[in-house]
Amino acid sequence: MSDDRLSRIENHLPQLIDMVAQNNRAIDELRRHMDEIGERMDKLERRMDDIGDRMDKLEQRLDSESMLNARRHLETMQKFRHVNADISYLDEQVARNE
């Protein structure tokens, strides 16, 4: 190799070393950002799991309320049937007495 070429390579070495150092710093910063994003995603996943649990509980509650409302509806309809039967009976009694 010629001395001139060797000299140019030696002159570029500090620049190359600086470029590698900058690259390492950029990679470290990128790693930190990725770690932060990972932590945020973990928190978000936990929140979503909590929301899913709450939704499951609400769904169970809605199911039990629906069943309770259906039972109450049947009870109310039975009471109305009895009331209608009583009204019919009273109408018959009134018609007999007239």
PDB file of N, CA and C in Angstrom:
ATOM      1  N   MET A   1       0.844  -1.173   0.000  1.00  0.00           N
ATOM      2  CA  MET A   1       0.000   0.000   0.000  1.00  0.00           C
ATOM      3  C   MET A   1       0.892   1.239   0.000  1.00  0.00           C
ATOM      4  N   SER A   2       0.443   2.228  -0.655  1.00  0.00           N
ATOM      5  CA  SER A   2       1.258   3.447  -0.717  1.00  0.00           C
ATOM      6  C   SER A   2       1.085   4.265   0.560  1.00  0.00           C
ATOM      7  N   ASP A   3       2.091   5.063   0.856  1.00  0.00           N
ATOM      8  CA  ASP A   3       2.041   5.907   2.053  1.00  0.00           C
ATOM      9  C   ASP A   3       0.900   6.907   1.971  1.00  0.00           C
ATOM     10  N   ASP A   4       0.624   7.392   0.786  1.00  0.00           N
ATOM     11  CA  ASP A   4      -0.459   8.367   0.597  1.00  0.00           C
ATOM     12  C   ASP A   4      -1.808   7.723   0.932  1.00  0.00           C
ATOM     13  N   ARG A   5      -1.996   6.524   0.451  1.00  0.00           N
ATOM     14  CA  ARG A   5      -3.256   5.818   0.712  1.00  0.00           C
ATOM     15  C   ARG A   5      -3.374   5.465   2.187  1.00  0.00           C
ATOM     16  N   LEU A   6      -2.319   5.014   2.786  1.00  0.00           N
ATOM     17  CA  LEU A   6      -2.297   4.700   4.211  1.00  0.00           C
ATOM     18  C   LEU A   6      -2.586   5.940   5.035  1.00  0.00           C
ATOM     19  N   SER A   7      -2.062   7.056   4.626  1.00  0.00           N
ATOM     20  CA  SER A   7      -2.291   8.324   5.327  1.00  0.00           C
ATOM     21  C   SER A   7      -3.775   8.708   5.261  1.00  0.00           C
ATOM     22  N   ARG A   8      -4.394   8.523   4.094  1.00  0.00           N
ATOM     23  CA  ARG A   8      -5.827   8.847   3.967  1.00  0.00           C
ATOM     24  C   ARG A   8      -6.681   7.945   4.854  1.00  0.00           C
ATOM     25  N   ILE A   9      -6.316   6.676   4.912  1.00  0.00           N
ATOM     26  CA  ILE A   9      -7.053   5.744   5.772  1.00  0.00           C
ATOM     27  C   ILE A   9      -6.909   6.159   7.230  1.00  0.00           C
ATOM     28  N   GLU A  10      -5.708   6.509   7.644  1.00  0.00           N
ATOM     29  CA  GLU A  10      -5.475   6.947   9.022  1.00  0.00           C
ATOM     30  C   GLU A  10      -6.253   8.216   9.327  1.00  0.00           C
ATOM     31  N   ASN A  11      -6.370   9.107   8.352  1.00  0.00           N
ATOM     32  CA  ASN A  11      -7.128  10.349   8.560  1.00  0.00           C
ATOM     33  C   ASN A  11      -8.632  10.078   8.705  1.00  0.00           C
ATOM     34  N   HIS A  12      -9.116   9.019   8.063  1.00  0.00           N
ATOM     35  CA  HIS A  12     -10.546   8.701   8.146  1.00  0.00           C
ATOM     36  C   HIS A  12     -10.905   7.879   9.390  1.00  0.00           C
ATOM     37  N   LEU A  13      -9.926   7.298  10.056  1.00  0.00           N
ATOM     38  CA  LEU A  13     -10.194   6.468  11.229  1.00  0.00           C
ATOM     39  C   LEU A  13     -10.921   7.230  12.351  1.00  0.00           C
ATOM     40  N   PRO A  14     -10.492   8.441  12.740  1.00  0.00           N
ATOM     41  CA  PRO A  14     -11.227   9.152  13.800  1.00  0.00           C
ATOM     42  C   PRO A  14     -12.687   9.425  13.402  1.00  0.00           C
ATOM     43  N   GLN A  15     -12.890   9.758  12.129  1.00  0.00           N
ATOM     44  CA  GLN A  15     -14.248   9.991  11.659  1.00  0.00           C
ATOM     45  C   GLN A  15     -15.061   8.700  11.737  1.00  0.00           C
ATOM     46  N   LEU A  16     -14.479   7.597  11.355  1.00  0.00           N
ATOM     47  CA  LEU A  16     -15.156   6.303  11.407  1.00  0.00           C
ATOM     48  C   LEU A  16     -15.475   5.923  12.859  1.00  0.00           C
ATOM     49  N   ILE A  17     -14.519   6.176  13.740  1.00  0.00           N
ATOM     50  CA  ILE A  17     -14.735   5.877  15.168  1.00  0.00           C
ATOM     51  C   ILE A  17     -15.881   6.728  15.705  1.00  0.00           C
ATOM     52  N   ASP A  18     -15.946   8.009  15.362  1.00  0.00           N
ATOM     53  CA  ASP A  18     -17.046   8.885  15.777  1.00  0.00           C
ATOM     54  C   ASP A  18     -18.384   8.390  15.230  1.00  0.00           C
ATOM     55  N   MET A  19     -18.366   7.959  13.976  1.00  0.00           N
ATOM     56  CA  MET A  19     -19.604   7.456  13.375  1.00  0.00           C
ATOM     57  C   MET A  19     -20.099   6.207  14.096  1.00  0.00           C
ATOM     58  N   VAL A  20     -19.182   5.318  14.451  1.00  0.00           N
ATOM     59  CA  VAL A  20     -19.563   4.106  15.182  1.00  0.00           C
ATOM     60  C   VAL A  20     -20.099   4.475  16.566  1.00  0.00           C
ATOM     61  N   ALA A  21     -19.465   5.425  17.219  1.00  0.00           N
ATOM     62  CA  ALA A  21     -19.922   5.864  18.544  1.00  0.00           C
ATOM     63  C   ALA A  21     -21.326   6.475  18.456  1.00  0.00           C
ATOM     64  N   GLN A  22     -21.556   7.307  17.451  1.00  0.00           N
ATOM     65  CA  GLN A  22     -22.889   7.893  17.258  1.00  0.00           C
ATOM     66  C   GLN A  22     -23.919   6.801  16.991  1.00  0.00           C
ATOM     67  N   ASN A  23     -23.531   5.845  16.194  1.00  0.00           N
ATOM     68  CA  ASN A  23     -24.432   4.735  15.896  1.00  0.00           C
ATOM     69  C   ASN A  23     -24.773   3.960  17.165  1.00  0.00           C
ATOM     70  N   ASN A  24     -23.776   3.715  18.011  1.00  0.00           N
ATOM     71  CA  ASN A  24     -24.008   3.009  19.274  1.00  0.00           C
ATOM     72  C   ASN A  24     -24.938   3.794  20.186  1.00  0.00           C
ATOM     73  N   ARG A  25     -24.738   5.121  20.242  1.00  0.00           N
ATOM     74  CA  ARG A  25     -25.631   5.954  21.057  1.00  0.00           C
ATOM     75  C   ARG A  25     -27.059   5.910  20.520  1.00  0.00           C
ATOM     76  N   ALA A  26     -27.206   5.973  19.212  1.00  0.00           N
ATOM     77  CA  ALA A  26     -28.540   5.922  18.601  1.00  0.00           C
ATOM     78  C   ALA A  26     -29.212   4.579  18.887  1.00  0.00           C
ATOM     79  N   ILE A  27     -28.424   3.515  18.824  1.00  0.00           N
ATOM     80  CA  ILE A  27     -28.979   2.186  19.109  1.00  0.00           C
ATOM     81  C   ILE A  27     -29.395   2.087  20.571  1.00  0.00           C
ATOM     82  N   ASP A  28     -28.579   2.609  21.492  1.00  0.00           N
ATOM     83  CA  ASP A  28     -28.927   2.604  22.914  1.00  0.00           C
ATOM     84  C   ASP A  28     -30.215   3.389  23.158  1.00  0.00           C
ATOM     85  N   GLU A  29     -30.336   4.548  22.522  1.00  0.00           N
ATOM     86  CA  GLU A  29     -31.544   5.358  22.676  1.00  0.00           C
ATOM     87  C   GLU A  29     -32.755   4.620  22.107  1.00  0.00           C
ATOM     88  N   LEU A  30     -32.572   3.979  20.982  1.00  0.00           N
ATOM     89  CA  LEU A  30     -33.654   3.204  20.380  1.00  0.00           C
ATOM     90  C   LEU A  30     -34.065   2.059  21.300  1.00  0.00           C
ATOM     91  N   ARG A  31     -33.088   1.402  21.917  1.00  0.00           N
ATOM     92  CA  ARG A  31     -33.395   0.327  22.865  1.00  0.00           C
ATOM     93  C   ARG A  31     -34.213   0.848  24.038  1.00  0.00           C
ATOM     94  N   ARG A  32     -33.816   2.018  24.568  1.00  0.00           N
ATOM     95  CA  ARG A  32     -34.554   2.608  25.684  1.00  0.00           C
ATOM     96  C   ARG A  32     -35.999   2.898  25.269  1.00  0.00           C
ATOM     97  N   HIS A  33     -36.154   3.480  24.081  1.00  0.00           N
ATOM     98  CA  HIS A  33     -37.510   3.774  23.603  1.00  0.00           C
ATOM     99  C   HIS A  33     -38.325   2.492  23.417  1.00  0.00           C
ATOM    100  N   MET A  34     -37.692   1.483  22.887  1.00  0.00           N
ATOM    101  CA  MET A  34     -38.403   0.216  22.692  1.00  0.00           C
ATOM    102  C   MET A  34     -38.784  -0.402  24.036  1.00  0.00           C
ATOM    103  N   ASP A  35     -37.896  -0.297  25.027  1.00  0.00           N
ATOM    104  CA  ASP A  35     -38.224  -0.798  26.362  1.00  0.00           C
ATOM    105  C   ASP A  35     -39.403  -0.030  26.948  1.00  0.00           C
ATOM    106  N   GLU A  36     -39.403   1.292  26.773  1.00  0.00           N
ATOM    107  CA  GLU A  36     -40.515   2.103  27.264  1.00  0.00           C
ATOM    108  C   GLU A  36     -41.812   1.714  26.573  1.00  0.00           C
ATOM    109  N   ILE A  37     -41.734   1.511  25.272  1.00  0.00           N
ATOM    110  CA  ILE A  37     -42.925   1.100  24.530  1.00  0.00           C
ATOM    111  C   ILE A  37     -43.403  -0.266  25.020  1.00  0.00           C
ATOM    112  N   GLY A  38     -42.463  -1.166  25.271  1.00  0.00           N
ATOM    113  CA  GLY A  38     -42.817  -2.490  25.799  1.00  0.00           C
ATOM    114  C   GLY A  38     -43.521  -2.383  27.141  1.00  0.00           C
ATOM    115  N   GLU A  39     -43.015  -1.510  28.017  1.00  0.00           N
ATOM    116  CA  GLU A  39     -43.642  -1.315  29.322  1.00  0.00           C
ATOM    117  C   GLU A  39     -45.042  -0.732  29.167  1.00  0.00           C
ATOM    118  N   ARG A  40     -45.168   0.232  28.271  1.00  0.00           N
ATOM    119  CA  ARG A  40     -46.486   0.828  28.036  1.00  0.00           C
ATOM    120  C   ARG A  40     -47.457  -0.197  27.473  1.00  0.00           C
ATOM    121  N   MET A  41     -46.971  -1.050  26.588  1.00  0.00           N
ATOM    122  CA  MET A  41     -47.829  -2.099  26.027  1.00  0.00           C
ATOM    123  C   MET A  41     -48.242  -3.093  27.114  1.00  0.00           C
ATOM    124  N   ASP A  42     -47.327  -3.417  28.023  1.00  0.00           N
ATOM    125  CA  ASP A  42     -47.660  -4.315  29.129  1.00  0.00           C
ATOM    126  C   ASP A  42     -48.751  -3.697  30.004  1.00  0.00           C
ATOM    127  N   LYS A  43     -48.599  -2.399  30.309  1.00  0.00           N
ATOM    128  CA  LYS A  43     -49.622  -1.713  31.105  1.00  0.00           C
ATOM    129  C   LYS A  43     -50.960  -1.709  30.380  1.00  0.00           C
ATOM    130  N   LEU A  44     -50.916  -1.452  29.078  1.00  0.00           N
ATOM    131  CA  LEU A  44     -52.142  -1.436  28.281  1.00  0.00           C
ATOM    132  C   LEU A  44     -52.790  -2.822  28.267  1.00  0.00           C
ATOM    133  N   GLU A  45     -51.970  -3.845  28.151  1.00  0.00           N
ATOM    134  CA  GLU A  45     -52.505  -5.209  28.156  1.00  0.00           C
ATOM    135  C   GLU A  45     -53.164  -5.531  29.492  1.00  0.00           C
ATOM    136  N   ARG A  46     -52.538  -5.097  30.593  1.00  0.00           N
ATOM    137  CA  ARG A  46     -53.131  -5.321  31.917  1.00  0.00           C
ATOM    138  C   ARG A  46     -54.459  -4.585  32.038  1.00  0.00           C
ATOM    139  N   ARG A  47     -54.483  -3.337  31.532  1.00  0.00           N
ATOM    140  CA  ARG A  47     -55.733  -2.574  31.574  1.00  0.00           C
ATOM    141  C   ARG A  47     -56.815  -3.247  30.747  1.00  0.00           C
ATOM    142  N   MET A  48     -56.434  -3.750  29.582  1.00  0.00           N
ATOM    143  CA  MET A  48     -57.408  -4.435  28.733  1.00  0.00           C
ATOM    144  C   MET A  48     -57.911  -5.716  29.407  1.00  0.00           C
ATOM    145  N   ASP A  49     -57.010  -6.429  30.093  1.00  0.00           N
ATOM    146  CA  ASP A  49     -57.435  -7.615  30.838  1.00  0.00           C
ATOM    147  C   ASP A  49     -58.419  -7.233  31.929  1.00  0.00           C
ATOM    148  N   ASP A  50     -58.138  -6.140  32.644  1.00  0.00           N
ATOM    149  CA  ASP A  50     -59.049  -5.667  33.684  1.00  0.00           C
ATOM    150  C   ASP A  50     -60.402  -5.297  33.090  1.00  0.00           C
ATOM    151  N   ILE A  51     -60.378  -4.620  31.953  1.00  0.00           N
ATOM    152  CA  ILE A  51     -61.632  -4.249  31.294  1.00  0.00           C
ATOM    153  C   ILE A  51     -62.385  -5.504  30.867  1.00  0.00           C
ATOM    154  N   GLY A  52     -61.665  -6.495  30.351  1.00  0.00           N
ATOM    155  CA  GLY A  52     -62.298  -7.760  29.970  1.00  0.00           C
ATOM    156  C   GLY A  52     -62.945  -8.440  31.163  1.00  0.00           C
ATOM    157  N   ASP A  53     -62.255  -8.437  32.309  1.00  0.00           N
ATOM    158  CA  ASP A  53     -62.825  -9.017  33.526  1.00  0.00           C
ATOM    159  C   ASP A  53     -64.081  -8.274  33.940  1.00  0.00           C
ATOM    160  N   ARG A  54     -64.014  -6.947  33.881  1.00  0.00           N
ATOM    161  CA  ARG A  54     -65.194  -6.141  34.244  1.00  0.00           C
ATOM    162  C   ARG A  54     -66.348  -6.403  33.288  1.00  0.00           C
ATOM    163  N   MET A  55     -66.035  -6.548  32.003  1.00  0.00           N
ATOM    164  CA  MET A  55     -67.082  -6.831  31.024  1.00  0.00           C
ATOM    165  C   MET A  55     -67.709  -8.201  31.286  1.00  0.00           C
ATOM    166  N   ASP A  56     -66.882  -9.185  31.652  1.00  0.00           N
ATOM    167  CA  ASP A  56     -67.412 -10.511  31.979  1.00  0.00           C
ATOM    168  C   ASP A  56     -68.365 -10.433  33.170  1.00  0.00           C
ATOM    169  N   LYS A  57     -67.967  -9.679  34.195  1.00  0.00           N
ATOM    170  CA  LYS A  57     -68.820  -9.531  35.378  1.00  0.00           C
ATOM    171  C   LYS A  57     -70.122  -8.827  35.011  1.00  0.00           C
ATOM    172  N   LEU A  58     -70.026  -7.794  34.177  1.00  0.00           N
ATOM    173  CA  LEU A  58     -71.235  -7.099  33.749  1.00  0.00           C
ATOM    174  C   LEU A  58     -72.150  -8.008  32.933  1.00  0.00           C
ATOM    175  N   GLU A  59     -71.554  -8.837  32.098  1.00  0.00           N
ATOM    176  CA  GLU A  59     -72.350  -9.769  31.295  1.00  0.00           C
ATOM    177  C   GLU A  59     -73.060 -10.776  32.193  1.00  0.00           C
ATOM    178  N   GLN A  60     -72.354 -11.277  33.198  1.00  0.00           N
ATOM    179  CA  GLN A  60     -72.978 -12.199  34.143  1.00  0.00           C
ATOM    180  C   GLN A  60     -74.114 -11.515  34.890  1.00  0.00           C
ATOM    181  N   ARG A  61     -73.867 -10.287  35.289  1.00  0.00           N
ATOM    182  CA  ARG A  61     -74.901  -9.533  36.004  1.00  0.00           C
ATOM    183  C   ARG A  61     -76.111  -9.298  35.105  1.00  0.00           C
ATOM    184  N   LEU A  62     -75.859  -8.949  33.849  1.00  0.00           N
ATOM    185  CA  LEU A  62     -76.946  -8.738  32.903  1.00  0.00           C
ATOM    186  C   LEU A  62     -77.743 -10.017  32.698  1.00  0.00           C
ATOM    187  N   ASP A  63     -77.047 -11.149  32.594  1.00  0.00           N
ATOM    188  CA  ASP A  63     -77.740 -12.430  32.439  1.00  0.00           C
ATOM    189  C   ASP A  63     -78.630 -12.723  33.641  1.00  0.00           C
ATOM    190  N   SER A  64     -78.103 -12.510  34.834  1.00  0.00           N
ATOM    191  CA  SER A  64     -78.900 -12.781  36.034  1.00  0.00           C
ATOM    192  C   SER A  64     -80.063 -11.800  36.138  1.00  0.00           C
ATOM    193  N   GLU A  65     -79.840 -10.545  35.766  1.00  0.00           N
ATOM    194  CA  GLU A  65     -80.934  -9.563  35.781  1.00  0.00           C
ATOM    195  C   GLU A  65     -81.994  -9.928  34.753  1.00  0.00           C
ATOM    196  N   SER A  66     -81.570 -10.405  33.591  1.00  0.00           N
ATOM    197  CA  SER A  66     -82.519 -10.808  32.550  1.00  0.00           C
ATOM    198  C   SER A  66     -83.374 -11.970  33.027  1.00  0.00           C
ATOM    199  N   MET A  67     -82.734 -12.942  33.665  1.00  0.00           N
ATOM    200  CA  MET A  67     -83.490 -14.078  34.192  1.00  0.00           C
ATOM    201  C   MET A  67     -84.464 -13.624  35.265  1.00  0.00           C
ATOM    202  N   LEU A  68     -84.018 -12.742  36.134  1.00  0.00           N
ATOM    203  CA  LEU A  68     -84.879 -12.225  37.192  1.00  0.00           C
ATOM    204  C   LEU A  68     -86.054 -11.455  36.594  1.00  0.00           C
ATOM    205  N   ASN A  69     -85.784 -10.632  35.576  1.00  0.00           N
ATOM    206  CA  ASN A  69     -86.862  -9.878  34.935  1.00  0.00           C
ATOM    207  C   ASN A  69     -87.846 -10.800  34.233  1.00  0.00           C
ATOM    208  N   ALA A  70     -87.361 -11.858  33.620  1.00  0.00           N
ATOM    209  CA  ALA A  70     -88.255 -12.816  32.964  1.00  0.00           C
ATOM    210  C   ALA A  70     -89.152 -13.486  34.006  1.00  0.00           C
ATOM    211  N   ARG A  71     -88.575 -13.866  35.123  1.00  0.00           N
ATOM    212  CA  ARG A  71     -89.369 -14.492  36.198  1.00  0.00           C
ATOM    213  C   ARG A  71     -90.399 -13.509  36.739  1.00  0.00           C
ATOM    214  N   ARG A  72     -89.996 -12.267  36.948  1.00  0.00           N
ATOM    215  CA  ARG A  72     -90.937 -11.250  37.428  1.00  0.00           C
ATOM    216  C   ARG A  72     -92.064 -11.023  36.423  1.00  0.00           C
ATOM    217  N   HIS A  73     -91.705 -11.048  35.142  1.00  0.00           N
ATOM    218  CA  HIS A  73     -92.720 -10.870  34.099  1.00  0.00           C
ATOM    219  C   HIS A  73     -93.757 -11.984  34.167  1.00  0.00           C
ATOM    220  N   LEU A  74     -93.277 -13.225  34.304  1.00  0.00           N
ATOM    221  CA  LEU A  74     -94.209 -14.356  34.424  1.00  0.00           C
ATOM    222  C   LEU A  74     -95.101 -14.222  35.648  1.00  0.00           C
ATOM    223  N   GLU A  75     -94.522 -13.825  36.769  1.00  0.00           N
ATOM    224  CA  GLU A  75     -95.306 -13.643  37.990  1.00  0.00           C
ATOM    225  C   GLU A  75     -96.364 -12.566  37.796  1.00  0.00           C
ATOM    226  N   THR A  76     -95.981 -11.468  37.153  1.00  0.00           N
ATOM    227  CA  THR A  76     -96.919 -10.375  36.913  1.00  0.00           C
ATOM    228  C   THR A  76     -98.041 -10.833  35.982  1.00  0.00           C
ATOM    229  N   MET A  77     -97.687 -11.584  34.936  1.00  0.00           N
ATOM    230  CA  MET A  77     -98.714 -12.076  34.006  1.00  0.00           C
ATOM    231  C   MET A  77     -99.685 -13.023  34.712  1.00  0.00           C
ATOM    232  N   GLN A  78     -99.176 -13.856  35.626  1.00  0.00           N
ATOM    233  CA  GLN A  78    -100.046 -14.752  36.385  1.00  0.00           C
ATOM    234  C   GLN A  78    -101.001 -13.953  37.268  1.00  0.00           C
ATOM    235  N   LYS A  79    -100.479 -12.902  37.876  1.00  0.00           N
ATOM    236  CA  LYS A  79    -101.341 -12.059  38.717  1.00  0.00           C
ATOM    237  C   LYS A  79    -102.444 -11.417  37.879  1.00  0.00           C
ATOM    238  N   PHE A  80    -102.098 -10.953  36.682  1.00  0.00           N
ATOM    239  CA  PHE A  80    -103.112 -10.356  35.810  1.00  0.00           C
ATOM    240  C   PHE A  80    -104.153 -11.392  35.395  1.00  0.00           C
ATOM    241  N   ARG A  81    -103.723 -12.627  35.147  1.00  0.00           N
ATOM    242  CA  ARG A  81    -104.689 -13.683  34.801  1.00  0.00           C
ATOM    243  C   ARG A  81    -105.661 -13.896  35.947  1.00  0.00           C
ATOM    244  N   HIS A  82    -105.117 -13.892  37.177  1.00  0.00           N
ATOM    245  CA  HIS A  82    -105.988 -14.066  38.342  1.00  0.00           C
ATOM    246  C   HIS A  82    -106.939 -12.877  38.483  1.00  0.00           C
ATOM    247  N   VAL A  83    -106.412 -11.683  38.247  1.00  0.00           N
ATOM    248  CA  VAL A  83    -107.258 -10.489  38.333  1.00  0.00           C
ATOM    249  C   VAL A  83    -108.340 -10.542  37.257  1.00  0.00           C
ATOM    250  N   ASN A  84    -107.961 -10.935  36.038  1.00  0.00           N
ATOM    251  CA  ASN A  84    -108.943 -11.049  34.952  1.00  0.00           C
ATOM    252  C   ASN A  84    -109.993 -12.104  35.289  1.00  0.00           C
ATOM    253  N   ALA A  85    -109.556 -13.218  35.886  1.00  0.00           N
ATOM    254  CA  ALA A  85    -110.505 -14.261  36.293  1.00  0.00           C
ATOM    255  C   ALA A  85    -111.447 -13.721  37.371  1.00  0.00           C
ATOM    256  N   ASP A  86    -110.918 -12.977  38.322  1.00  0.00           N
ATOM    257  CA  ASP A  86    -111.753 -12.380  39.367  1.00  0.00           C
ATOM    258  C   ASP A  86    -112.760 -11.398  38.769  1.00  0.00           C
ATOM    259  N   ILE A  87    -112.313 -10.605  37.811  1.00  0.00           N
ATOM    260  CA  ILE A  87    -113.208  -9.637  37.162  1.00  0.00           C
ATOM    261  C   ILE A  87    -114.321 -10.379  36.427  1.00  0.00           C
ATOM    262  N   SER A  88    -113.956 -11.436  35.715  1.00  0.00           N
ATOM    263  CA  SER A  88    -114.968 -12.228  35.002  1.00  0.00           C
ATOM    264  C   SER A  88    -115.973 -12.820  35.991  1.00  0.00           C
ATOM    265  N   TYR A  89    -115.474 -13.355  37.077  1.00  0.00           N
ATOM    266  CA  TYR A  89    -116.343 -13.929  38.092  1.00  0.00           C
ATOM    267  C   TYR A  89    -117.288 -12.865  38.665  1.00  0.00           C
ATOM    268  N   LEU A  90    -116.738 -11.695  38.977  1.00  0.00           N
ATOM    269  CA  LEU A  90    -117.575 -10.622  39.526  1.00  0.00           C
ATOM    270  C   LEU A  90    -118.602 -10.139  38.503  1.00  0.00           C
ATOM    271  N   ASP A  91    -118.195 -10.081  37.228  1.00  0.00           N
ATOM    272  CA  ASP A  91    -119.145  -9.706  36.177  1.00  0.00           C
ATOM    273  C   ASP A  91    -120.294 -10.703  36.112  1.00  0.00           C
ATOM    274  N   GLU A  92    -119.984 -11.986  36.252  1.00  0.00           N
ATOM    275  CA  GLU A  92    -121.028 -13.011  36.244  1.00  0.00           C
ATOM    276  C   GLU A  92    -121.953 -12.863  37.449  1.00  0.00           C
ATOM    277  N   GLN A  93    -121.364 -12.573  38.603  1.00  0.00           N
ATOM    278  CA  GLN A  93    -122.170 -12.415  39.811  1.00  0.00           C
ATOM    279  C   GLN A  93    -123.107 -11.206  39.686  1.00  0.00           C
ATOM    280  N   VAL A  94    -122.592 -10.137  39.129  1.00  0.00           N
ATOM    281  CA  VAL A  94    -123.407  -8.934  38.948  1.00  0.00           C
ATOM    282  C   VAL A  94    -124.523  -9.209  37.950  1.00  0.00           C
ATOM    283  N   ALA A  95    -124.206  -9.941  36.887  1.00  0.00           N
ATOM    284  CA  ALA A  95    -125.211 -10.248  35.853  1.00  0.00           C
ATOM    285  C   ALA A  95    -126.304 -11.137  36.442  1.00  0.00           C
ATOM    286  N   ARG A  96    -125.996 -12.041  37.334  1.00  0.00           N
ATOM    287  CA  ARG A  96    -126.993 -12.899  37.975  1.00  0.00           C
ATOM    288  C   ARG A  96    -127.900 -12.104  38.877  1.00  0.00           C
ATOM    289  N   ASN A  97    -127.353 -11.157  39.568  1.00  0.00           N
ATOM    290  CA  ASN A  97    -128.132 -10.381  40.521  1.00  0.00           C
ATOM    291  C   ASN A  97    -128.993  -9.325  39.864  1.00  0.00           C
ATOM    292  N   GLU A  98    -128.746  -9.056  38.640  1.00  0.00           N
ATOM    293  CA  GLU A  98    -129.542  -7.999  37.976  1.00  0.00           C
ATOM    294  C   GLU A  98    -130.795  -8.515  37.439  1.00  0.00           C
TER     295      GLU A  98
END
